[in-house]
Amino acid sequence: MILNNFKNILVICLFFTYSILSAQDWAQLEHFSSANKELPDVKNNENRVVFMGNSITIGWSHHQPEFFEGKPYVNRGISGQTTPQMLVRFRQDVIDLKPKVVAILAGTNDIAGNTGPSTLEMIADNLMSMAELAEANGIKVVLCSVLPAYDYPWRKGLKPNEKIPALNNMIKAYSERKGFVYLDYFSAMTDGNNGLRQDLGSDGVHPNKKGYELMAPLAEKAINDALARE
C-alpha cells in the first residue's frame, strides 16, 4: 500500500514537473514577439541586417547604440542563449523579418554549458542549420567567429581558450565550403593567449565600448561583402 501510494505521488510529481517545463518559453520566443510585430515592413532597396546572437550581440546596442542608429540594423540578441535556442527562434526573429543579411554570432554559451553539455560538433550543426535556413530563404549569411575567452567567470575550468579556436576553425571551413562570409572577430580581439584583450572587456568574455568600436568596421565590411555576393 505504501509503495503504491509512493508510486502514485511520484507519477503526479513527474506529471506536474513535465507540465511546468512544457509551459516554459525555453527558446524565449516571446522576448522579441512585440518588437517583431512593431517592426516596419522592409522598404524598397533597404538592406536590412539582423544580428542574431546572445549577450554579446544585445550588449552592442547598450554599449555602442550609435552603431545601429539610422541604419536598417535589427538586433536580436538574447543574453545567455545557446545555439539550439537560437535555432528554434530563427524563423520568427530572422526569416520573418525579411533581411538581406543575417550576422550570426553564437556558441560561447554552448561551450559554457548554459543549456547542458554540447560538443563542438553539436554547436557547429546548429550554426550550419541556421545558415542554411537563411540561405534557403534568400538571406545572405555572415558567420561570425566566437570571441576569445580564456575562461568563464561564472563556470571555470571548461577550457574555452582551447575549444573556441577549434570551433572557429570549423565555422571558417564551413563558411568557405558554402561561400558564406566568415567574420573573424577572434584574431582582432585576442590577447595572444586565446583570451579577450583586457582593454576590450572587463570580464574576459563581454566586450566594452572599445571592443564594440573595434568590431563595428569589421562587421560593416562583412555585411558589404555579403551583399556583393551572388
Protein backbone atom coordinates (compact mmCIF):
# COMPACT_ATOMS: atom_id res chain seq x y z
CA MET A 1 0.00 0.00 0.00
CA ILE A 2 2.73 2.44 0.99
CA LEU A 3 4.71 1.55 -2.13
CA ASN A 4 1.68 2.08 -4.36
CA ASN A 5 0.96 5.44 -2.76
CA PHE A 6 4.57 6.46 -3.28
CA LYS A 7 4.37 5.47 -6.93
CA ASN A 8 1.18 7.48 -7.38
CA ILE A 9 2.74 10.52 -5.75
CA LEU A 10 5.84 10.14 -7.93
CA VAL A 11 3.75 9.94 -11.10
CA ILE A 12 1.81 13.06 -10.08
CA CYS A 13 5.04 14.94 -9.31
CA LEU A 14 6.55 13.93 -12.65
CA PHE A 15 3.38 14.99 -14.46
CA PHE A 16 3.39 18.44 -12.88
CA THR A 17 7.14 18.82 -13.45
CA TYR A 18 6.65 17.98 -17.12
CA SER A 19 3.71 20.38 -17.37
CA ILE A 20 5.74 23.22 -15.85
CA LEU A 21 8.70 22.57 -18.15
CA SER A 22 6.42 22.35 -21.17
CA ALA A 23 4.84 25.67 -20.28
CA GLN A 24 8.19 27.42 -20.12
CA ASP A 25 9.29 29.51 -23.09
CA TRP A 26 12.62 27.71 -23.38
CA ALA A 27 13.73 29.45 -26.56
CA GLN A 28 12.28 32.81 -25.36
CA LEU A 29 10.03 33.18 -28.37
CA GLU A 30 8.10 35.89 -26.56
CA HIS A 31 11.19 38.01 -26.00
CA PHE A 32 11.02 39.84 -29.34
CA SER A 33 7.43 38.98 -30.23
CA SER A 34 6.08 42.51 -29.76
CA ALA A 35 9.15 44.17 -31.27
CA ASN A 36 8.86 41.98 -34.36
CA LYS A 37 5.22 42.96 -34.83
CA GLU A 38 6.08 46.65 -34.47
CA LEU A 39 9.00 46.50 -36.90
CA PRO A 40 8.11 48.37 -40.11
CA ASP A 41 7.93 46.47 -43.39
CA VAL A 42 11.14 46.42 -45.38
CA LYS A 43 11.34 49.38 -47.74
CA ASN A 44 12.31 49.10 -51.38
CA ASN A 45 16.09 48.72 -51.75
CA GLU A 46 16.52 48.53 -47.97
CA ASN A 47 19.43 46.33 -46.94
CA ARG A 48 18.05 45.15 -43.63
CA VAL A 49 20.51 43.22 -41.48
CA VAL A 50 19.57 41.08 -38.48
CA PHE A 51 22.22 40.49 -35.83
CA MET A 52 21.44 37.12 -34.26
CA GLY A 53 23.14 36.15 -31.04
CA ASN A 54 23.41 36.23 -27.27
CA SER A 55 24.50 38.80 -24.65
CA ILE A 56 27.48 39.84 -26.77
CA THR A 57 25.08 40.81 -29.56
CA ILE A 58 22.45 42.57 -27.44
CA GLY A 59 25.21 44.26 -25.46
CA TRP A 60 26.24 46.06 -28.63
CA SER A 61 23.02 48.11 -28.52
CA HIS A 62 23.78 49.12 -24.93
CA HIS A 63 27.49 49.96 -25.25
CA GLN A 64 27.52 51.41 -28.77
CA PRO A 65 23.93 52.28 -29.72
CA GLU A 66 25.13 54.69 -32.40
CA PHE A 67 26.24 51.70 -34.48
CA PHE A 68 22.58 50.83 -35.04
CA GLU A 69 21.11 54.32 -35.26
CA GLY A 70 19.94 55.44 -38.68
CA LYS A 71 20.71 52.06 -40.24
CA PRO A 72 18.46 49.15 -41.20
CA TYR A 73 20.07 47.04 -38.49
CA VAL A 74 17.94 44.85 -36.22
CA ASN A 75 19.43 43.45 -33.01
CA ARG A 76 18.04 40.07 -31.98
CA GLY A 77 20.48 39.00 -29.28
CA ILE A 78 19.22 37.39 -26.06
CA SER A 79 21.52 37.15 -23.07
CA GLY A 80 22.61 33.66 -22.08
CA GLN A 81 21.26 31.88 -25.14
CA THR A 82 22.78 28.86 -26.82
CA THR A 83 22.62 27.79 -30.46
CA PRO A 84 19.69 25.33 -30.06
CA GLN A 85 17.58 28.12 -28.56
CA MET A 86 18.51 30.45 -31.41
CA LEU A 87 17.71 27.78 -33.96
CA VAL A 88 14.19 27.42 -32.53
CA ARG A 89 13.54 31.16 -32.77
CA PHE A 90 15.42 31.70 -36.04
CA ARG A 91 12.33 31.79 -38.22
CA GLN A 92 10.41 34.39 -36.24
CA ASP A 93 13.41 36.53 -35.25
CA VAL A 94 15.26 36.41 -38.56
CA ILE A 95 13.48 34.90 -41.56
CA ASP A 96 10.12 36.57 -40.92
CA LEU A 97 11.83 39.98 -40.68
CA LYS A 98 12.93 39.62 -44.33
CA PRO A 99 16.50 40.86 -44.02
CA LYS A 100 19.02 40.90 -46.84
CA VAL A 101 21.74 39.70 -44.46
CA VAL A 102 21.95 37.85 -41.15
CA ALA A 103 25.07 38.01 -38.97
CA ILE A 104 25.16 35.02 -36.63
CA LEU A 105 27.38 35.22 -33.55
CA ALA A 106 26.89 32.27 -31.21
CA GLY A 107 28.47 29.31 -29.50
CA THR A 108 30.27 30.55 -26.40
CA ASN A 109 27.29 29.84 -24.12
CA ASP A 110 27.10 26.30 -25.52
CA ILE A 111 30.72 25.76 -24.53
CA ALA A 112 29.85 27.17 -21.09
CA GLY A 113 27.06 24.59 -20.82
CA ASN A 114 24.25 27.09 -20.30
CA THR A 115 21.60 24.65 -21.53
CA GLY A 116 23.53 21.45 -20.89
CA PRO A 117 26.57 19.73 -22.36
CA SER A 118 27.34 20.38 -26.03
CA THR A 119 30.10 19.05 -28.24
CA LEU A 120 31.73 21.35 -30.77
CA GLU A 121 30.09 19.28 -33.50
CA MET A 122 26.64 19.91 -31.98
CA ILE A 123 27.30 23.65 -31.87
CA ALA A 124 28.54 23.66 -35.46
CA ASP A 125 25.49 21.68 -36.57
CA ASN A 126 23.15 24.30 -35.11
CA LEU A 127 25.10 27.15 -36.70
CA MET A 128 25.01 25.35 -40.04
CA SER A 129 21.27 24.77 -39.72
CA MET A 130 20.66 28.48 -39.11
CA ALA A 131 22.88 29.42 -42.04
CA GLU A 132 21.13 27.00 -44.38
CA LEU A 133 17.68 28.17 -43.28
CA ALA A 134 18.77 31.69 -44.13
CA GLU A 135 20.20 30.64 -47.48
CA ALA A 136 17.01 28.75 -48.37
CA ASN A 137 15.06 31.96 -47.78
CA GLY A 138 17.30 34.18 -49.89
CA ILE A 139 19.17 35.74 -46.96
CA LYS A 140 22.91 36.37 -47.24
CA VAL A 141 24.90 34.80 -44.42
CA VAL A 142 27.69 36.19 -42.27
CA LEU A 143 29.03 33.61 -39.82
CA CYS A 144 31.00 35.25 -37.03
CA SER A 145 33.85 33.73 -35.12
CA VAL A 146 33.24 33.23 -31.42
CA LEU A 147 35.02 35.94 -29.44
CA PRO A 148 38.08 34.91 -27.43
CA ALA A 149 37.65 33.88 -23.80
CA TYR A 150 40.38 32.31 -21.69
CA ASP A 151 37.90 31.16 -19.02
CA TYR A 152 34.30 31.81 -17.97
CA PRO A 153 33.95 33.75 -14.69
CA TRP A 154 30.64 32.02 -13.93
CA ARG A 155 31.88 28.49 -14.71
CA LYS A 156 35.61 27.98 -14.60
CA GLY A 157 37.70 25.14 -15.97
CA LEU A 158 35.88 24.43 -19.24
CA LYS A 159 38.88 25.46 -21.39
CA PRO A 160 37.18 27.86 -23.79
CA ASN A 161 40.69 29.03 -24.70
CA GLU A 162 41.10 25.68 -26.44
CA LYS A 163 37.54 24.97 -27.57
CA ILE A 164 36.73 28.37 -29.08
CA PRO A 165 39.64 28.34 -31.58
CA ALA A 166 38.70 24.79 -32.57
CA LEU A 167 35.07 25.79 -33.11
CA ASN A 168 36.13 28.85 -35.09
CA ASN A 169 38.19 26.65 -37.40
CA MET A 170 35.06 24.58 -38.03
CA ILE A 171 32.97 27.69 -38.72
CA LYS A 172 35.59 29.12 -41.06
CA ALA A 173 35.97 25.87 -43.00
CA TYR A 174 32.20 25.52 -43.38
CA SER A 175 31.86 29.16 -44.50
CA GLU A 176 34.49 28.65 -47.16
CA ARG A 177 32.79 25.48 -48.42
CA LYS A 178 29.42 27.19 -48.65
CA GLY A 179 30.59 30.57 -49.93
CA PHE A 180 29.37 32.42 -46.83
CA VAL A 181 31.23 35.36 -45.32
CA TYR A 182 33.34 34.46 -42.31
CA LEU A 183 33.74 37.38 -39.91
CA ASP A 184 36.88 36.92 -37.82
CA TYR A 185 36.45 38.88 -34.60
CA PHE A 186 38.72 36.47 -32.72
CA SER A 187 42.00 37.42 -34.39
CA ALA A 188 41.38 41.12 -33.84
CA MET A 189 40.44 40.76 -30.17
CA THR A 190 42.66 38.04 -28.73
CA ASP A 191 45.36 38.83 -26.21
CA GLY A 192 47.71 36.33 -27.82
CA ASN A 193 46.81 33.69 -25.26
CA ASN A 194 43.33 32.93 -26.68
CA GLY A 195 41.76 35.30 -24.16
CA LEU A 196 39.97 38.61 -24.69
CA ARG A 197 42.26 41.63 -24.54
CA GLN A 198 41.85 43.37 -21.19
CA ASP A 199 41.27 46.76 -22.80
CA LEU A 200 38.34 45.35 -24.81
CA GLY A 201 36.29 43.94 -21.92
CA SER A 202 36.20 43.82 -18.14
CA ASP A 203 35.17 40.19 -17.52
CA GLY A 204 37.17 38.38 -20.17
CA VAL A 205 34.08 37.48 -22.19
CA HIS A 206 31.91 40.51 -23.00
CA PRO A 207 33.22 43.50 -24.98
CA ASN A 208 33.13 47.03 -23.62
CA LYS A 209 32.54 50.11 -25.76
CA LYS A 210 36.08 49.97 -27.11
CA GLY A 211 35.55 46.33 -28.00
CA TYR A 212 32.41 47.10 -29.97
CA GLU A 213 34.10 50.03 -31.67
CA LEU A 214 36.74 47.59 -32.87
CA MET A 215 34.07 45.14 -34.05
CA ALA A 216 31.98 47.73 -35.91
CA PRO A 217 34.11 48.24 -39.05
CA LEU A 218 34.75 44.51 -39.27
CA ALA A 219 31.00 43.90 -39.22
CA GLU A 220 30.34 46.62 -41.80
CA LYS A 221 32.91 45.14 -44.17
CA ALA A 222 31.49 41.64 -43.75
CA ILE A 223 27.95 42.89 -44.43
CA ASN A 224 29.09 44.70 -47.57
CA ASP A 225 30.96 41.61 -48.71
CA ALA A 226 27.84 39.50 -48.20
CA LEU A 227 25.65 41.95 -50.12
CA ALA A 228 28.10 41.90 -53.01
CA ARG A 229 27.98 38.14 -53.37
CA GLU A 230 25.70 36.48 -55.89
